[in-house]
Amino acid sequence: MQSILIFISTLITLYIWIIIAGAILSWLIAFNVVNMQNRIVYMLSDFIHRLTEPALAPIRRFLPNLGGIDISPIILILLLILARNLLFEFFGAGVLIR
């Protein structure tokens, strides 16, 4: 049972890093540091967008308009950390794996 918990924790951690990479990539695109005309940048951006948008879209619907600032990745990361901690607390694992 503990192996499954560690595997789920690893998947959640990986997803958190994908969300962070998506936020950083969106900043780089917004400030014209990277060019969306580059095929590799476009494919990477599309891949990250397809992975994160299903989780971020419901959060964005409930957030008020903050004038161009998107805090939905922060809220999703906090929710994922909470879910991971509750998972370990509920199933009684002795050590929280980070």
N, C-alpha and C. Protein backbone atom coordinates (compact mmCIF):
# COMPACT_ATOMS: atom_id res chain seq x y z
N MET A 1 0.82 -1.19 0.00
CA MET A 1 0.00 0.00 0.00
C MET A 1 0.87 1.26 0.00
N GLN A 2 1.98 1.20 0.72
CA GLN A 2 2.85 2.37 0.79
C GLN A 2 3.49 2.66 -0.57
N SER A 3 3.74 1.64 -1.37
CA SER A 3 4.31 1.85 -2.70
C SER A 3 3.35 2.61 -3.59
N ILE A 4 2.07 2.32 -3.48
CA ILE A 4 1.07 3.03 -4.26
C ILE A 4 1.00 4.48 -3.82
N LEU A 5 1.07 4.72 -2.52
CA LEU A 5 1.04 6.10 -2.01
C LEU A 5 2.25 6.88 -2.50
N ILE A 6 3.40 6.27 -2.49
CA ILE A 6 4.62 6.95 -2.97
C ILE A 6 4.50 7.22 -4.46
N PHE A 7 3.96 6.29 -5.22
CA PHE A 7 3.76 6.49 -6.66
C PHE A 7 2.81 7.65 -6.93
N ILE A 8 1.69 7.71 -6.21
CA ILE A 8 0.73 8.81 -6.36
C ILE A 8 1.37 10.13 -5.96
N SER A 9 2.15 10.12 -4.89
CA SER A 9 2.84 11.32 -4.45
C SER A 9 3.83 11.80 -5.51
N THR A 10 4.52 10.86 -6.14
CA THR A 10 5.46 11.21 -7.20
C THR A 10 4.73 11.81 -8.41
N LEU A 11 3.58 11.25 -8.77
CA LEU A 11 2.79 11.80 -9.87
C LEU A 11 2.30 13.22 -9.56
N ILE A 12 1.87 13.43 -8.33
CA ILE A 12 1.42 14.77 -7.94
C ILE A 12 2.57 15.75 -8.00
N THR A 13 3.74 15.35 -7.52
CA THR A 13 4.92 16.21 -7.57
C THR A 13 5.31 16.53 -9.00
N LEU A 14 5.27 15.54 -9.87
CA LEU A 14 5.57 15.75 -11.28
C LEU A 14 4.58 16.73 -11.92
N TYR A 15 3.31 16.58 -11.59
CA TYR A 15 2.29 17.49 -12.13
C TYR A 15 2.50 18.92 -11.62
N ILE A 16 2.91 19.05 -10.38
CA ILE A 16 3.22 20.38 -9.84
C ILE A 16 4.35 21.02 -10.64
N TRP A 17 5.39 20.25 -10.96
CA TRP A 17 6.49 20.80 -11.74
C TRP A 17 6.06 21.15 -13.16
N ILE A 18 5.12 20.39 -13.73
CA ILE A 18 4.60 20.73 -15.06
C ILE A 18 3.83 22.04 -15.00
N ILE A 19 3.07 22.25 -13.93
CA ILE A 19 2.33 23.51 -13.76
C ILE A 19 3.32 24.68 -13.65
N ILE A 20 4.37 24.51 -12.88
CA ILE A 20 5.39 25.56 -12.74
C ILE A 20 6.06 25.84 -14.08
N ALA A 21 6.39 24.79 -14.82
CA ALA A 21 7.02 24.97 -16.14
C ALA A 21 6.07 25.70 -17.09
N GLY A 22 4.78 25.39 -17.01
CA GLY A 22 3.80 26.08 -17.85
C GLY A 22 3.69 27.55 -17.51
N ALA A 23 3.73 27.88 -16.23
CA ALA A 23 3.67 29.29 -15.83
C ALA A 23 4.90 30.05 -16.30
N ILE A 24 6.07 29.44 -16.14
CA ILE A 24 7.31 30.10 -16.58
C ILE A 24 7.32 30.25 -18.10
N LEU A 25 6.89 29.23 -18.82
CA LEU A 25 6.84 29.31 -20.28
C LEU A 25 5.86 30.38 -20.74
N SER A 26 4.74 30.52 -20.06
CA SER A 26 3.79 31.57 -20.45
C SER A 26 4.37 32.96 -20.23
N TRP A 27 5.16 33.12 -19.16
CA TRP A 27 5.83 34.42 -18.95
C TRP A 27 6.85 34.68 -20.05
N LEU A 28 7.62 33.66 -20.41
CA LEU A 28 8.63 33.82 -21.45
C LEU A 28 7.99 34.17 -22.79
N ILE A 29 6.83 33.58 -23.07
CA ILE A 29 6.12 33.91 -24.31
C ILE A 29 5.54 35.31 -24.24
N ALA A 30 4.98 35.69 -23.08
CA ALA A 30 4.37 37.02 -22.95
C ALA A 30 5.39 38.13 -23.08
N PHE A 31 6.61 37.92 -22.62
CA PHE A 31 7.65 38.95 -22.69
C PHE A 31 8.55 38.79 -23.92
N ASN A 32 8.12 37.96 -24.88
CA ASN A 32 8.84 37.74 -26.14
C ASN A 32 10.29 37.28 -25.94
N VAL A 33 10.52 36.49 -24.91
CA VAL A 33 11.84 35.90 -24.72
C VAL A 33 11.98 34.69 -25.64
N VAL A 34 10.91 33.92 -25.75
CA VAL A 34 10.87 32.81 -26.70
C VAL A 34 9.80 33.11 -27.74
N ASN A 35 10.00 32.57 -28.92
CA ASN A 35 9.13 32.86 -30.04
C ASN A 35 8.21 31.67 -30.30
N MET A 36 6.91 31.91 -30.39
CA MET A 36 5.96 30.84 -30.66
C MET A 36 6.06 30.35 -32.10
N GLN A 37 6.77 31.06 -32.96
CA GLN A 37 6.98 30.59 -34.33
C GLN A 37 7.92 29.39 -34.38
N ASN A 38 8.74 29.26 -33.34
CA ASN A 38 9.63 28.10 -33.23
C ASN A 38 8.79 26.86 -32.97
N ARG A 39 8.99 25.84 -33.78
CA ARG A 39 8.16 24.64 -33.70
C ARG A 39 8.31 23.91 -32.37
N ILE A 40 9.52 23.86 -31.83
CA ILE A 40 9.75 23.17 -30.56
C ILE A 40 9.05 23.90 -29.42
N VAL A 41 9.14 25.22 -29.42
CA VAL A 41 8.47 26.02 -28.38
C VAL A 41 6.96 25.84 -28.48
N TYR A 42 6.45 25.84 -29.70
CA TYR A 42 5.01 25.66 -29.90
C TYR A 42 4.55 24.29 -29.41
N MET A 43 5.30 23.24 -29.76
CA MET A 43 4.92 21.89 -29.34
C MET A 43 4.99 21.74 -27.82
N LEU A 44 6.03 22.30 -27.20
CA LEU A 44 6.15 22.23 -25.74
C LEU A 44 5.02 23.00 -25.06
N SER A 45 4.72 24.18 -25.58
CA SER A 45 3.64 24.98 -25.01
C SER A 45 2.30 24.28 -25.15
N ASP A 46 2.05 23.69 -26.31
CA ASP A 46 0.80 22.98 -26.55
C ASP A 46 0.69 21.75 -25.64
N PHE A 47 1.79 21.02 -25.47
CA PHE A 47 1.79 19.85 -24.61
C PHE A 47 1.48 20.22 -23.16
N ILE A 48 2.14 21.25 -22.66
CA ILE A 48 1.91 21.68 -21.28
C ILE A 48 0.50 22.22 -21.12
N HIS A 49 0.02 22.95 -22.12
CA HIS A 49 -1.34 23.50 -22.06
C HIS A 49 -2.37 22.38 -22.01
N ARG A 50 -2.18 21.34 -22.82
CA ARG A 50 -3.12 20.21 -22.82
C ARG A 50 -3.10 19.43 -21.51
N LEU A 51 -1.97 19.40 -20.83
CA LEU A 51 -1.89 18.70 -19.55
C LEU A 51 -2.50 19.50 -18.41
N THR A 52 -2.32 20.81 -18.43
CA THR A 52 -2.72 21.61 -17.28
C THR A 52 -4.09 22.29 -17.41
N GLU A 53 -4.52 22.54 -18.62
CA GLU A 53 -5.77 23.29 -18.80
C GLU A 53 -7.00 22.60 -18.22
N PRO A 54 -7.15 21.27 -18.32
CA PRO A 54 -8.34 20.66 -17.70
C PRO A 54 -8.43 20.89 -16.19
N ALA A 55 -7.31 21.04 -15.52
CA ALA A 55 -7.35 21.29 -14.07
C ALA A 55 -7.44 22.78 -13.76
N LEU A 56 -6.88 23.62 -14.62
CA LEU A 56 -6.87 25.06 -14.35
C LEU A 56 -8.18 25.76 -14.75
N ALA A 57 -8.85 25.26 -15.78
CA ALA A 57 -10.06 25.93 -16.28
C ALA A 57 -11.17 26.04 -15.23
N PRO A 58 -11.48 24.98 -14.46
CA PRO A 58 -12.53 25.14 -13.44
C PRO A 58 -12.15 26.15 -12.35
N ILE A 59 -10.87 26.23 -12.03
CA ILE A 59 -10.43 27.20 -11.02
C ILE A 59 -10.58 28.62 -11.56
N ARG A 60 -10.24 28.82 -12.83
CA ARG A 60 -10.34 30.15 -13.44
C ARG A 60 -11.79 30.64 -13.50
N ARG A 61 -12.73 29.73 -13.62
CA ARG A 61 -14.14 30.14 -13.66
C ARG A 61 -14.60 30.78 -12.36
N PHE A 62 -14.03 30.33 -11.23
CA PHE A 62 -14.48 30.84 -9.94
C PHE A 62 -13.68 32.03 -9.45
N LEU A 63 -12.53 32.30 -10.05
CA LEU A 63 -11.70 33.42 -9.61
C LEU A 63 -12.22 34.74 -10.17
N PRO A 64 -12.13 35.80 -9.40
CA PRO A 64 -12.50 37.11 -9.95
C PRO A 64 -11.42 37.61 -10.91
N ASN A 65 -11.78 38.59 -11.72
CA ASN A 65 -10.81 39.17 -12.65
C ASN A 65 -9.81 40.01 -11.86
N LEU A 66 -8.55 39.66 -11.97
CA LEU A 66 -7.51 40.36 -11.23
C LEU A 66 -6.66 41.25 -12.13
N GLY A 67 -7.20 41.61 -13.27
CA GLY A 67 -6.50 42.52 -14.16
C GLY A 67 -5.31 41.90 -14.87
N GLY A 68 -5.45 40.72 -15.38
CA GLY A 68 -4.37 40.09 -16.14
C GLY A 68 -3.45 39.21 -15.32
N ILE A 69 -3.66 39.13 -14.04
CA ILE A 69 -2.84 38.26 -13.19
C ILE A 69 -3.60 36.95 -12.99
N ASP A 70 -2.95 35.86 -13.35
CA ASP A 70 -3.57 34.55 -13.24
C ASP A 70 -2.97 33.81 -12.04
N ILE A 71 -3.77 33.68 -10.99
CA ILE A 71 -3.28 32.98 -9.80
C ILE A 71 -3.80 31.54 -9.72
N SER A 72 -4.46 31.09 -10.79
CA SER A 72 -4.99 29.73 -10.77
C SER A 72 -3.90 28.66 -10.63
N PRO A 73 -2.68 28.82 -11.22
CA PRO A 73 -1.66 27.80 -10.96
C PRO A 73 -1.25 27.71 -9.50
N ILE A 74 -1.22 28.83 -8.81
CA ILE A 74 -0.86 28.82 -7.39
C ILE A 74 -1.92 28.08 -6.58
N ILE A 75 -3.18 28.36 -6.89
CA ILE A 75 -4.27 27.70 -6.17
C ILE A 75 -4.26 26.20 -6.46
N LEU A 76 -4.02 25.81 -7.71
CA LEU A 76 -3.97 24.39 -8.04
C LEU A 76 -2.81 23.70 -7.34
N ILE A 77 -1.66 24.35 -7.28
CA ILE A 77 -0.51 23.75 -6.59
C ILE A 77 -0.83 23.57 -5.11
N LEU A 78 -1.44 24.55 -4.49
CA LEU A 78 -1.81 24.43 -3.08
C LEU A 78 -2.82 23.30 -2.87
N LEU A 79 -3.78 23.17 -3.77
CA LEU A 79 -4.76 22.08 -3.67
C LEU A 79 -4.10 20.71 -3.85
N LEU A 80 -3.14 20.62 -4.75
CA LEU A 80 -2.44 19.35 -4.96
C LEU A 80 -1.59 18.97 -3.74
N ILE A 81 -0.94 19.95 -3.15
CA ILE A 81 -0.17 19.68 -1.93
C ILE A 81 -1.09 19.25 -0.80
N LEU A 82 -2.24 19.91 -0.67
CA LEU A 82 -3.22 19.52 0.34
C LEU A 82 -3.72 18.10 0.09
N ALA A 83 -4.02 17.78 -1.18
CA ALA A 83 -4.49 16.42 -1.50
C ALA A 83 -3.44 15.38 -1.19
N ARG A 84 -2.19 15.69 -1.51
CA ARG A 84 -1.11 14.73 -1.23
C ARG A 84 -0.95 14.53 0.28
N ASN A 85 -0.99 15.60 1.04
CA ASN A 85 -0.86 15.48 2.49
C ASN A 85 -2.05 14.74 3.10
N LEU A 86 -3.26 15.01 2.62
CA LEU A 86 -4.43 14.30 3.13
C LEU A 86 -4.38 12.82 2.77
N LEU A 87 -3.86 12.52 1.61
CA LEU A 87 -3.73 11.12 1.20
C LEU A 87 -2.83 10.35 2.16
N PHE A 88 -1.70 10.95 2.51
CA PHE A 88 -0.80 10.29 3.45
C PHE A 88 -1.38 10.25 4.86
N GLU A 89 -2.09 11.30 5.23
CA GLU A 89 -2.68 11.31 6.57
C GLU A 89 -3.82 10.29 6.67
N PHE A 90 -4.63 10.20 5.61
CA PHE A 90 -5.77 9.29 5.63
C PHE A 90 -5.34 7.83 5.65
N PHE A 91 -4.35 7.49 4.85
CA PHE A 91 -3.91 6.10 4.79
C PHE A 91 -2.81 5.77 5.79
N GLY A 92 -2.40 6.74 6.59
CA GLY A 92 -1.54 6.47 7.72
C GLY A 92 -0.09 6.17 7.39
N ALA A 93 0.41 6.69 6.32
CA ALA A 93 1.84 6.50 6.03
C ALA A 93 2.65 7.26 7.05
N GLY A 94 3.72 6.67 7.47
CA GLY A 94 4.53 7.27 8.53
C GLY A 94 5.32 8.49 8.10
N VAL A 95 5.82 8.48 6.88
CA VAL A 95 6.70 9.55 6.43
C VAL A 95 6.13 10.15 5.16
N LEU A 96 6.05 11.45 5.11
CA LEU A 96 5.59 12.15 3.92
C LEU A 96 6.75 12.26 2.95
N ILE A 97 6.59 11.72 1.78
CA ILE A 97 7.63 11.75 0.75
C ILE A 97 7.45 13.02 -0.06
N ARG A 98 8.53 13.78 -0.24
CA ARG A 98 8.46 15.02 -1.02
C ARG A 98 9.26 14.88 -2.25
